[in-house]
Amino acid sequence: MNDNIKAGSDIHAGDGGYSVGTQEKYDEFVKGRNQSLGKMRIKQLKEQAMEWVPNMADPDTKIRLLNAEKFAELIVLKCAEIVDTAEPFLASDLIKEHFGIDQ
């Protein structure tokens, strides 16, 4: 059994995902990670803005719709929260970074 554990550890051992690279490669990785996180954060806000409303075609059922006003309000509240922590950074940069927007 110990041999199996050792074999498994040898197979799964490695550099732990770390390797020598360049600043450009690291920046590219961070950009991709932040965009993924930003999309995830937007999806979370979108999910919070969803609500059940009566189905006009079948009054006995409900459907889930995005409340656009609530979605916009959640985005503004998140931006305001980010701005409160901005100093000494540019608030606009922090907001764009939070939502994974690179412009």
PDB file of N, CA and C in Angstrom:
ATOM      1  N   MET A   1       0.833  -1.200   0.000  1.00  0.00           N
ATOM      2  CA  MET A   1       0.000   0.000   0.000  1.00  0.00           C
ATOM      3  C   MET A   1       0.875   1.260   0.000  1.00  0.00           C
ATOM      4  N   ASN A   2       1.956   1.232   0.775  1.00  0.00           N
ATOM      5  CA  ASN A   2       2.855   2.386   0.803  1.00  0.00           C
ATOM      6  C   ASN A   2       3.468   2.648  -0.560  1.00  0.00           C
ATOM      7  N   ASP A   3       3.707   1.548  -1.326  1.00  0.00           N
ATOM      8  CA  ASP A   3       4.254   1.714  -2.670  1.00  0.00           C
ATOM      9  C   ASP A   3       3.258   2.445  -3.565  1.00  0.00           C
ATOM     10  N   ASN A   4       1.953   2.126  -3.394  1.00  0.00           N
ATOM     11  CA  ASN A   4       0.923   2.808  -4.186  1.00  0.00           C
ATOM     12  C   ASN A   4       0.847   4.288  -3.829  1.00  0.00           C
ATOM     13  N   ILE A   5       0.955   4.590  -2.551  1.00  0.00           N
ATOM     14  CA  ILE A   5       0.926   5.989  -2.108  1.00  0.00           C
ATOM     15  C   ILE A   5       2.127   6.722  -2.680  1.00  0.00           C
ATOM     16  N   LYS A   6       3.299   6.098  -2.624  1.00  0.00           N
ATOM     17  CA  LYS A   6       4.505   6.725  -3.157  1.00  0.00           C
ATOM     18  C   LYS A   6       4.368   6.937  -4.660  1.00  0.00           C
ATOM     19  N   ALA A   7       3.850   5.930  -5.361  1.00  0.00           N
ATOM     20  CA  ALA A   7       3.684   6.058  -6.814  1.00  0.00           C
ATOM     21  C   ALA A   7       2.719   7.198  -7.137  1.00  0.00           C
ATOM     22  N   GLY A   8       1.630   7.295  -6.377  1.00  0.00           N
ATOM     23  CA  GLY A   8       0.671   8.371  -6.591  1.00  0.00           C
ATOM     24  C   GLY A   8       1.275   9.731  -6.335  1.00  0.00           C
ATOM     25  N   SER A   9       2.069   9.821  -5.289  1.00  0.00           N
ATOM     26  CA  SER A   9       2.685  11.117  -4.986  1.00  0.00           C
ATOM     27  C   SER A   9       3.697  11.504  -6.053  1.00  0.00           C
ATOM     28  N   ASP A  10       4.403  10.517  -6.602  1.00  0.00           N
ATOM     29  CA  ASP A  10       5.360  10.814  -7.675  1.00  0.00           C
ATOM     30  C   ASP A  10       4.643  11.296  -8.938  1.00  0.00           C
ATOM     31  N   ILE A  11       3.493  10.665  -9.221  1.00  0.00           N
ATOM     32  CA  ILE A  11       2.741  11.043 -10.415  1.00  0.00           C
ATOM     33  C   ILE A  11       2.207  12.465 -10.281  1.00  0.00           C
ATOM     34  N   HIS A  12       1.661  12.771  -9.093  1.00  0.00           N
ATOM     35  CA  HIS A  12       1.006  14.060  -8.909  1.00  0.00           C
ATOM     36  C   HIS A  12       1.943  15.160  -8.430  1.00  0.00           C
ATOM     37  N   ALA A  13       3.165  14.782  -8.119  1.00  0.00           N
ATOM     38  CA  ALA A  13       4.139  15.799  -7.722  1.00  0.00           C
ATOM     39  C   ALA A  13       4.534  16.570  -8.968  1.00  0.00           C
ATOM     40  N   GLY A  14       5.093  17.654  -8.779  1.00  0.00           N
ATOM     41  CA  GLY A  14       5.539  18.455  -9.914  1.00  0.00           C
ATOM     42  C   GLY A  14       5.996  19.797  -9.406  1.00  0.00           C
ATOM     43  N   ASP A  15       5.885  20.762 -10.251  1.00  0.00           N
ATOM     44  CA  ASP A  15       6.324  22.089  -9.855  1.00  0.00           C
ATOM     45  C   ASP A  15       5.200  22.867  -9.194  1.00  0.00           C
ATOM     46  N   GLY A  16       4.056  22.228  -8.945  1.00  0.00           N
ATOM     47  CA  GLY A  16       2.946  22.909  -8.290  1.00  0.00           C
ATOM     48  C   GLY A  16       2.345  24.006  -9.153  1.00  0.00           C
ATOM     49  N   GLY A  17       2.589  23.929 -10.429  1.00  0.00           N
ATOM     50  CA  GLY A  17       2.043  24.949 -11.314  1.00  0.00           C
ATOM     51  C   GLY A  17       2.961  26.151 -11.479  1.00  0.00           C
ATOM     52  N   TYR A  18       4.062  26.128 -10.779  1.00  0.00           N
ATOM     53  CA  TYR A  18       4.984  27.253 -10.861  1.00  0.00           C
ATOM     54  C   TYR A  18       6.070  26.952 -11.888  1.00  0.00           C
ATOM     55  N   SER A  19       6.425  27.942 -12.624  1.00  0.00           N
ATOM     56  CA  SER A  19       7.527  27.790 -13.567  1.00  0.00           C
ATOM     57  C   SER A  19       8.169  29.153 -13.777  1.00  0.00           C
ATOM     58  N   VAL A  20       9.366  29.110 -14.281  1.00  0.00           N
ATOM     59  CA  VAL A  20      10.075  30.346 -14.554  1.00  0.00           C
ATOM     60  C   VAL A  20       9.486  30.929 -15.830  1.00  0.00           C
ATOM     61  N   GLY A  21       9.162  32.193 -15.795  1.00  0.00           N
ATOM     62  CA  GLY A  21       8.575  32.818 -16.974  1.00  0.00           C
ATOM     63  C   GLY A  21       8.954  34.271 -17.053  1.00  0.00           C
ATOM     64  N   THR A  22       8.245  34.975 -17.873  1.00  0.00           N
ATOM     65  CA  THR A  22       8.522  36.390 -18.069  1.00  0.00           C
ATOM     66  C   THR A  22       7.414  37.222 -17.437  1.00  0.00           C
ATOM     67  N   GLN A  23       7.681  38.472 -17.237  1.00  0.00           N
ATOM     68  CA  GLN A  23       6.677  39.394 -16.710  1.00  0.00           C
ATOM     69  C   GLN A  23       5.490  39.483 -17.665  1.00  0.00           C
ATOM     70  N   GLU A  24       5.772  39.429 -18.970  1.00  0.00           N
ATOM     71  CA  GLU A  24       4.700  39.498 -19.965  1.00  0.00           C
ATOM     72  C   GLU A  24       3.757  38.306 -19.834  1.00  0.00           C
ATOM     73  N   LYS A  25       4.324  37.100 -19.647  1.00  0.00           N
ATOM     74  CA  LYS A  25       3.500  35.901 -19.488  1.00  0.00           C
ATOM     75  C   LYS A  25       2.665  35.998 -18.213  1.00  0.00           C
ATOM     76  N   TYR A  26       3.273  36.500 -17.157  1.00  0.00           N
ATOM     77  CA  TYR A  26       2.540  36.658 -15.895  1.00  0.00           C
ATOM     78  C   TYR A  26       1.405  37.666 -16.067  1.00  0.00           C
ATOM     79  N   ASP A  27       1.693  38.789 -16.706  1.00  0.00           N
ATOM     80  CA  ASP A  27       0.663  39.812 -16.938  1.00  0.00           C
ATOM     81  C   ASP A  27      -0.479  39.250 -17.778  1.00  0.00           C
ATOM     82  N   GLU A  28      -0.140  38.427 -18.773  1.00  0.00           N
ATOM     83  CA  GLU A  28      -1.159  37.798 -19.612  1.00  0.00           C
ATOM     84  C   GLU A  28      -2.033  36.850 -18.781  1.00  0.00           C
ATOM     85  N   PHE A  29      -1.391  36.086 -17.902  1.00  0.00           N
ATOM     86  CA  PHE A  29      -2.128  35.189 -17.014  1.00  0.00           C
ATOM     87  C   PHE A  29      -3.076  35.970 -16.107  1.00  0.00           C
ATOM     88  N   VAL A  30      -2.567  37.047 -15.490  1.00  0.00           N
ATOM     89  CA  VAL A  30      -3.383  37.857 -14.581  1.00  0.00           C
ATOM     90  C   VAL A  30      -4.563  38.468 -15.327  1.00  0.00           C
ATOM     91  N   LYS A  31      -4.328  38.942 -16.535  1.00  0.00           N
ATOM     92  CA  LYS A  31      -5.405  39.536 -17.331  1.00  0.00           C
ATOM     93  C   LYS A  31      -6.507  38.508 -17.591  1.00  0.00           C
ATOM     94  N   GLY A  32      -6.122  37.311 -17.977  1.00  0.00           N
ATOM     95  CA  GLY A  32      -7.101  36.251 -18.228  1.00  0.00           C
ATOM     96  C   GLY A  32      -7.854  35.866 -16.969  1.00  0.00           C
ATOM     97  N   ARG A  33      -7.126  35.775 -15.856  1.00  0.00           N
ATOM     98  CA  ARG A  33      -7.765  35.434 -14.584  1.00  0.00           C
ATOM     99  C   ARG A  33      -8.754  36.516 -14.184  1.00  0.00           C
ATOM    100  N   ASN A  34      -8.364  37.764 -14.313  1.00  0.00           N
ATOM    101  CA  ASN A  34      -9.246  38.864 -13.920  1.00  0.00           C
ATOM    102  C   ASN A  34     -10.485  38.929 -14.803  1.00  0.00           C
ATOM    103  N   GLN A  35     -10.331  38.648 -16.094  1.00  0.00           N
ATOM    104  CA  GLN A  35     -11.496  38.644 -16.976  1.00  0.00           C
ATOM    105  C   GLN A  35     -12.458  37.539 -16.568  1.00  0.00           C
ATOM    106  N   SER A  36     -11.917  36.368 -16.226  1.00  0.00           N
ATOM    107  CA  SER A  36     -12.768  35.264 -15.778  1.00  0.00           C
ATOM    108  C   SER A  36     -13.473  35.622 -14.484  1.00  0.00           C
ATOM    109  N   LEU A  37     -12.746  36.220 -13.550  1.00  0.00           N
ATOM    110  CA  LEU A  37     -13.358  36.625 -12.286  1.00  0.00           C
ATOM    111  C   LEU A  37     -14.409  37.696 -12.519  1.00  0.00           C
ATOM    112  N   GLY A  38     -14.119  38.620 -13.421  1.00  0.00           N
ATOM    113  CA  GLY A  38     -15.073  39.685 -13.722  1.00  0.00           C
ATOM    114  C   GLY A  38     -16.366  39.133 -14.287  1.00  0.00           C
ATOM    115  N   LYS A  39     -16.251  38.171 -15.208  1.00  0.00           N
ATOM    116  CA  LYS A  39     -17.445  37.554 -15.774  1.00  0.00           C
ATOM    117  C   LYS A  39     -18.229  36.825 -14.691  1.00  0.00           C
ATOM    118  N   MET A  40     -17.513  36.168 -13.799  1.00  0.00           N
ATOM    119  CA  MET A  40     -18.174  35.465 -12.705  1.00  0.00           C
ATOM    120  C   MET A  40     -18.890  36.462 -11.790  1.00  0.00           C
ATOM    121  N   ARG A  41     -18.269  37.594 -11.509  1.00  0.00           N
ATOM    122  CA  ARG A  41     -18.878  38.608 -10.649  1.00  0.00           C
ATOM    123  C   ARG A  41     -20.123  39.200 -11.299  1.00  0.00           C
ATOM    124  N   ILE A  42     -20.070  39.422 -12.602  1.00  0.00           N
ATOM    125  CA  ILE A  42     -21.244  39.940 -13.314  1.00  0.00           C
ATOM    126  C   ILE A  42     -22.368  38.911 -13.278  1.00  0.00           C
ATOM    127  N   LYS A  43     -22.030  37.631 -13.465  1.00  0.00           N
ATOM    128  CA  LYS A  43     -23.043  36.584 -13.397  1.00  0.00           C
ATOM    129  C   LYS A  43     -23.685  36.527 -12.013  1.00  0.00           C
ATOM    130  N   GLN A  44     -22.883  36.735 -10.964  1.00  0.00           N
ATOM    131  CA  GLN A  44     -23.428  36.736  -9.604  1.00  0.00           C
ATOM    132  C   GLN A  44     -24.422  37.889  -9.427  1.00  0.00           C
ATOM    133  N   LEU A  45     -24.069  39.067  -9.905  1.00  0.00           N
ATOM    134  CA  LEU A  45     -24.986  40.203  -9.806  1.00  0.00           C
ATOM    135  C   LEU A  45     -26.248  39.957 -10.629  1.00  0.00           C
ATOM    136  N   LYS A  46     -26.069  39.376 -11.798  1.00  0.00           N
ATOM    137  CA  LYS A  46     -27.220  39.058 -12.649  1.00  0.00           C
ATOM    138  C   LYS A  46     -28.149  38.086 -11.922  1.00  0.00           C
ATOM    139  N   GLU A  47     -27.579  37.073 -11.308  1.00  0.00           N
ATOM    140  CA  GLU A  47     -28.381  36.081 -10.580  1.00  0.00           C
ATOM    141  C   GLU A  47     -29.169  36.751  -9.445  1.00  0.00           C
ATOM    142  N   GLN A  48     -28.542  37.696  -8.761  1.00  0.00           N
ATOM    143  CA  GLN A  48     -29.218  38.414  -7.679  1.00  0.00           C
ATOM    144  C   GLN A  48     -30.368  39.269  -8.203  1.00  0.00           C
ATOM    145  N   ALA A  49     -30.279  39.686  -9.460  1.00  0.00           N
ATOM    146  CA  ALA A  49     -31.306  40.561 -10.036  1.00  0.00           C
ATOM    147  C   ALA A  49     -32.450  39.786 -10.700  1.00  0.00           C
ATOM    148  N   MET A  50     -32.352  38.467 -10.715  1.00  0.00           N
ATOM    149  CA  MET A  50     -33.421  37.661 -11.299  1.00  0.00           C
ATOM    150  C   MET A  50     -34.602  37.608 -10.334  1.00  0.00           C
ATOM    151  N   GLU A  51     -35.813  37.596 -10.896  1.00  0.00           N
ATOM    152  CA  GLU A  51     -36.989  37.484 -10.034  1.00  0.00           C
ATOM    153  C   GLU A  51     -38.078  36.686 -10.746  1.00  0.00           C
ATOM    154  N   TRP A  52     -38.929  36.084  -9.936  1.00  0.00           N
ATOM    155  CA  TRP A  52     -40.059  35.312 -10.452  1.00  0.00           C
ATOM    156  C   TRP A  52     -41.230  36.249 -10.687  1.00  0.00           C
ATOM    157  N   VAL A  53     -41.809  36.162 -11.869  1.00  0.00           N
ATOM    158  CA  VAL A  53     -42.973  36.994 -12.212  1.00  0.00           C
ATOM    159  C   VAL A  53     -44.048  36.096 -12.825  1.00  0.00           C
ATOM    160  N   PRO A  54     -45.314  36.516 -12.723  1.00  0.00           N
ATOM    161  CA  PRO A  54     -46.381  35.716 -13.319  1.00  0.00           C
ATOM    162  C   PRO A  54     -46.193  35.569 -14.827  1.00  0.00           C
ATOM    163  N   ASN A  55     -46.499  34.377 -15.310  1.00  0.00           N
ATOM    164  CA  ASN A  55     -46.417  34.085 -16.735  1.00  0.00           C
ATOM    165  C   ASN A  55     -47.704  34.583 -17.387  1.00  0.00           C
ATOM    166  N   MET A  56     -47.583  35.539 -18.301  1.00  0.00           N
ATOM    167  CA  MET A  56     -48.764  36.122 -18.941  1.00  0.00           C
ATOM    168  C   MET A  56     -49.521  35.071 -19.772  1.00  0.00           C
ATOM    169  N   ALA A  57     -48.797  34.106 -20.334  1.00  0.00           N
ATOM    170  CA  ALA A  57     -49.432  33.077 -21.159  1.00  0.00           C
ATOM    171  C   ALA A  57     -50.158  32.032 -20.307  1.00  0.00           C
ATOM    172  N   ASP A  58     -49.645  31.810 -19.084  1.00  0.00           N
ATOM    173  CA  ASP A  58     -50.246  30.814 -18.191  1.00  0.00           C
ATOM    174  C   ASP A  58     -50.209  31.368 -16.773  1.00  0.00           C
ATOM    175  N   PRO A  59     -51.275  32.005 -16.325  1.00  0.00           N
ATOM    176  CA  PRO A  59     -51.290  32.670 -15.014  1.00  0.00           C
ATOM    177  C   PRO A  59     -51.015  31.750 -13.821  1.00  0.00           C
ATOM    178  N   ASP A  60     -51.133  30.437 -14.026  1.00  0.00           N
ATOM    179  CA  ASP A  60     -50.872  29.503 -12.933  1.00  0.00           C
ATOM    180  C   ASP A  60     -49.382  29.240 -12.728  1.00  0.00           C
ATOM    181  N   THR A  61     -48.557  29.753 -13.621  1.00  0.00           N
ATOM    182  CA  THR A  61     -47.112  29.528 -13.515  1.00  0.00           C
ATOM    183  C   THR A  61     -46.372  30.864 -13.441  1.00  0.00           C
ATOM    184  N   LYS A  62     -45.113  30.754 -13.061  1.00  0.00           N
ATOM    185  CA  LYS A  62     -44.247  31.938 -13.013  1.00  0.00           C
ATOM    186  C   LYS A  62     -43.012  31.667 -13.856  1.00  0.00           C
ATOM    187  N   ILE A  63     -42.411  32.731 -14.313  1.00  0.00           N
ATOM    188  CA  ILE A  63     -41.157  32.633 -15.066  1.00  0.00           C
ATOM    189  C   ILE A  63     -40.123  33.534 -14.405  1.00  0.00           C
ATOM    190  N   ARG A  64     -38.872  33.217 -14.644  1.00  0.00           N
ATOM    191  CA  ARG A  64     -37.770  34.005 -14.083  1.00  0.00           C
ATOM    192  C   ARG A  64     -37.286  34.994 -15.115  1.00  0.00           C
ATOM    193  N   LEU A  65     -37.249  36.248 -14.722  1.00  0.00           N
ATOM    194  CA  LEU A  65     -36.778  37.306 -15.618  1.00  0.00           C
ATOM    195  C   LEU A  65     -35.744  38.161 -14.902  1.00  0.00           C
ATOM    196  N   LEU A  66     -34.904  38.789 -15.701  1.00  0.00           N
ATOM    197  CA  LEU A  66     -33.918  39.721 -15.161  1.00  0.00           C
ATOM    198  C   LEU A  66     -34.594  41.063 -14.928  1.00  0.00           C
ATOM    199  N   ASN A  67     -34.491  41.551 -13.710  1.00  0.00           N
ATOM    200  CA  ASN A  67     -34.967  42.889 -13.389  1.00  0.00           C
ATOM    201  C   ASN A  67     -33.810  43.838 -13.714  1.00  0.00           C
ATOM    202  N   ALA A  68     -33.887  44.484 -14.869  1.00  0.00           N
ATOM    203  CA  ALA A  68     -32.786  45.327 -15.360  1.00  0.00           C
ATOM    204  C   ALA A  68     -32.480  46.469 -14.397  1.00  0.00           C
ATOM    205  N   GLU A  69     -33.501  47.047 -13.809  1.00  0.00           N
ATOM    206  CA  GLU A  69     -33.289  48.145 -12.864  1.00  0.00           C
ATOM    207  C   GLU A  69     -32.521  47.677 -11.632  1.00  0.00           C
ATOM    208  N   LYS A  70     -32.893  46.513 -11.114  1.00  0.00           N
ATOM    209  CA  LYS A  70     -32.192  45.965  -9.950  1.00  0.00           C
ATOM    210  C   LYS A  70     -30.754  45.598 -10.319  1.00  0.00           C
ATOM    211  N   PHE A  71     -30.560  45.046 -11.525  1.00  0.00           N
ATOM    212  CA  PHE A  71     -29.226  44.686 -11.994  1.00  0.00           C
ATOM    213  C   PHE A  71     -28.333  45.926 -12.053  1.00  0.00           C
ATOM    214  N   ALA A  72     -28.838  47.001 -12.632  1.00  0.00           N
ATOM    215  CA  ALA A  72     -28.083  48.256 -12.712  1.00  0.00           C
ATOM    216  C   ALA A  72     -27.792  48.791 -11.311  1.00  0.00           C
ATOM    217  N   GLU A  73     -28.774  48.700 -10.427  1.00  0.00           N
ATOM    218  CA  GLU A  73     -28.576  49.182  -9.053  1.00  0.00           C
ATOM    219  C   GLU A  73     -27.483  48.389  -8.347  1.00  0.00           C
ATOM    220  N   LEU A  74     -27.458  47.077  -8.535  1.00  0.00           N
ATOM    221  CA  LEU A  74     -26.423  46.241  -7.917  1.00  0.00           C
ATOM    222  C   LEU A  74     -25.034  46.598  -8.447  1.00  0.00           C
ATOM    223  N   ILE A  75     -24.945  46.886  -9.742  1.00  0.00           N
ATOM    224  CA  ILE A  75     -23.660  47.284 -10.332  1.00  0.00           C
ATOM    225  C   ILE A  75     -23.198  48.613  -9.740  1.00  0.00           C
ATOM    226  N   VAL A  76     -24.110  49.573  -9.636  1.00  0.00           N
ATOM    227  CA  VAL A  76     -23.761  50.879  -9.068  1.00  0.00           C
ATOM    228  C   VAL A  76     -23.321  50.721  -7.615  1.00  0.00           C
ATOM    229  N   LEU A  77     -24.038  49.907  -6.850  1.00  0.00           N
ATOM    230  CA  LEU A  77     -23.659  49.699  -5.445  1.00  0.00           C
ATOM    231  C   LEU A  77     -22.280  49.068  -5.327  1.00  0.00           C
ATOM    232  N   LYS A  78     -21.984  48.095  -6.191  1.00  0.00           N
ATOM    233  CA  LYS A  78     -20.658  47.455  -6.171  1.00  0.00           C
ATOM    234  C   LYS A  78     -19.583  48.465  -6.543  1.00  0.00           C
ATOM    235  N   CYS A  79     -19.853  49.310  -7.532  1.00  0.00           N
ATOM    236  CA  CYS A  79     -18.884  50.339  -7.941  1.00  0.00           C
ATOM    237  C   CYS A  79     -18.649  51.325  -6.799  1.00  0.00           C
ATOM    238  N   ALA A  80     -19.710  51.721  -6.119  1.00  0.00           N
ATOM    239  CA  ALA A  80     -19.575  52.648  -4.992  1.00  0.00           C
ATOM    240  C   ALA A  80     -18.734  52.010  -3.886  1.00  0.00           C
ATOM    241  N   GLU A  81     -18.943  50.725  -3.657  1.00  0.00           N
ATOM    242  CA  GLU A  81     -18.162  50.006  -2.645  1.00  0.00           C
ATOM    243  C   GLU A  81     -16.675  49.994  -3.016  1.00  0.00           C
ATOM    244  N   ILE A  82     -16.402  49.782  -4.294  1.00  0.00           N
ATOM    245  CA  ILE A  82     -15.012  49.764  -4.767  1.00  0.00           C
ATOM    246  C   ILE A  82     -14.380  51.147  -4.637  1.00  0.00           C
ATOM    247  N   VAL A  83     -15.131  52.179  -4.991  1.00  0.00           N
ATOM    248  CA  VAL A  83     -14.618  53.550  -4.921  1.00  0.00           C
ATOM    249  C   VAL A  83     -14.240  53.908  -3.485  1.00  0.00           C
ATOM    250  N   ASP A  84     -15.018  53.425  -2.524  1.00  0.00           N
ATOM    251  CA  ASP A  84     -14.717  53.714  -1.114  1.00  0.00           C
ATOM    252  C   ASP A  84     -13.355  53.185  -0.693  1.00  0.00           C
ATOM    253  N   THR A  85     -12.836  52.179  -1.398  1.00  0.00           N
ATOM    254  CA  THR A  85     -11.539  51.599  -1.042  1.00  0.00           C
ATOM    255  C   THR A  85     -10.440  52.011  -2.013  1.00  0.00           C
ATOM    256  N   ALA A  86     -10.703  52.986  -2.874  1.00  0.00           N
ATOM    257  CA  ALA A  86      -9.820  53.289  -3.992  1.00  0.00           C
ATOM    258  C   ALA A  86      -8.486  53.925  -3.617  1.00  0.00           C
ATOM    259  N   GLU A  87      -8.447  54.756  -2.640  1.00  0.00           N
ATOM    260  CA  GLU A  87      -7.233  55.524  -2.364  1.00  0.00           C
ATOM    261  C   GLU A  87      -6.063  54.600  -2.111  1.00  0.00           C
ATOM    262  N   PRO A  88      -4.922  54.725  -2.677  1.00  0.00           N
ATOM    263  CA  PRO A  88      -4.410  55.767  -3.567  1.00  0.00           C
ATOM    264  C   PRO A  88      -4.545  55.414  -5.049  1.00  0.00           C
ATOM    265  N   PHE A  89      -5.422  54.489  -5.398  1.00  0.00           N
ATOM    266  CA  PHE A  89      -5.579  54.063  -6.784  1.00  0.00           C
ATOM    267  C   PHE A  89      -6.638  54.896  -7.494  1.00  0.00           C
ATOM    268  N   LEU A  90      -6.671  54.776  -8.800  1.00  0.00           N
ATOM    269  CA  LEU A  90      -7.751  55.385  -9.573  1.00  0.00           C
ATOM    270  C   LEU A  90      -8.970  54.474  -9.444  1.00  0.00           C
ATOM    271  N   ALA A  91     -10.071  55.043  -8.992  1.00  0.00           N
ATOM    272  CA  ALA A  91     -11.286  54.256  -8.787  1.00  0.00           C
ATOM    273  C   ALA A  91     -11.718  53.579 -10.080  1.00  0.00           C
ATOM    274  N   SER A  92     -11.609  54.277 -11.191  1.00  0.00           N
ATOM    275  CA  SER A  92     -12.048  53.697 -12.466  1.00  0.00           C
ATOM    276  C   SER A  92     -11.245  52.441 -12.802  1.00  0.00           C
ATOM    277  N   ASP A  93      -9.947  52.454 -12.516  1.00  0.00           N
ATOM    278  CA  ASP A  93      -9.122  51.269 -12.775  1.00  0.00           C
ATOM    279  C   ASP A  93      -9.552  50.107 -11.894  1.00  0.00           C
ATOM    280  N   LEU A  94      -9.852  50.372 -10.625  1.00  0.00           N
ATOM    281  CA  LEU A  94     -10.284  49.313  -9.720  1.00  0.00           C
ATOM    282  C   LEU A  94     -11.625  48.722 -10.147  1.00  0.00           C
ATOM    283  N   ILE A  95     -12.539  49.567 -10.581  1.00  0.00           N
ATOM    284  CA  ILE A  95     -13.855  49.087 -11.024  1.00  0.00           C
ATOM    285  C   ILE A  95     -13.695  48.212 -12.269  1.00  0.00           C
ATOM    286  N   LYS A  96     -12.910  48.677 -13.245  1.00  0.00           N
ATOM    287  CA  LYS A  96     -12.706  47.889 -14.454  1.00  0.00           C
ATOM    288  C   LYS A  96     -12.029  46.557 -14.132  1.00  0.00           C
ATOM    289  N   GLU A  97     -11.053  46.584 -13.233  1.00  0.00           N
ATOM    290  CA  GLU A  97     -10.370  45.365 -12.842  1.00  0.00           C
ATOM    291  C   GLU A  97     -11.338  44.399 -12.161  1.00  0.00           C
ATOM    292  N   HIS A  98     -12.193  44.912 -11.282  1.00  0.00           N
ATOM    293  CA  HIS A  98     -13.139  44.070 -10.559  1.00  0.00           C
ATOM    294  C   HIS A  98     -14.064  43.323 -11.505  1.00  0.00           C
ATOM    295  N   PHE A  99     -14.504  44.001 -12.563  1.00  0.00           N
ATOM    296  CA  PHE A  99     -15.433  43.396 -13.511  1.00  0.00           C
ATOM    297  C   PHE A  99     -14.719  42.786 -14.723  1.00  0.00           C
ATOM    298  N   GLY A 100     -13.372  42.761 -14.706  1.00  0.00           N
ATOM    299  CA  GLY A 100     -12.612  42.112 -15.762  1.00  0.00           C
ATOM    300  C   GLY A 100     -12.701  42.816 -17.100  1.00  0.00           C
ATOM    301  N   ILE A 101     -12.800  44.134 -17.059  1.00  0.00           N
ATOM    302  CA  ILE A 101     -12.898  44.908 -18.300  1.00  0.00           C
ATOM    303  C   ILE A 101     -11.554  45.581 -18.553  1.00  0.00           C
ATOM    304  N   ASP A 102     -11.018  45.376 -19.736  1.00  0.00           N
ATOM    305  CA  ASP A 102      -9.701  45.922 -20.067  1.00  0.00           C
ATOM    306  C   ASP A 102      -9.862  46.929 -21.193  1.00  0.00           C
ATOM    307  N   GLN A 103      -9.949  48.218 -20.834  1.00  0.00           N
ATOM    308  CA  GLN A 103     -10.084  49.265 -21.850  1.00  0.00           C
ATOM    309  C   GLN A 103      -9.234  50.445 -21.462  1.00  0.00           C
TER     310      GLN A 103
END
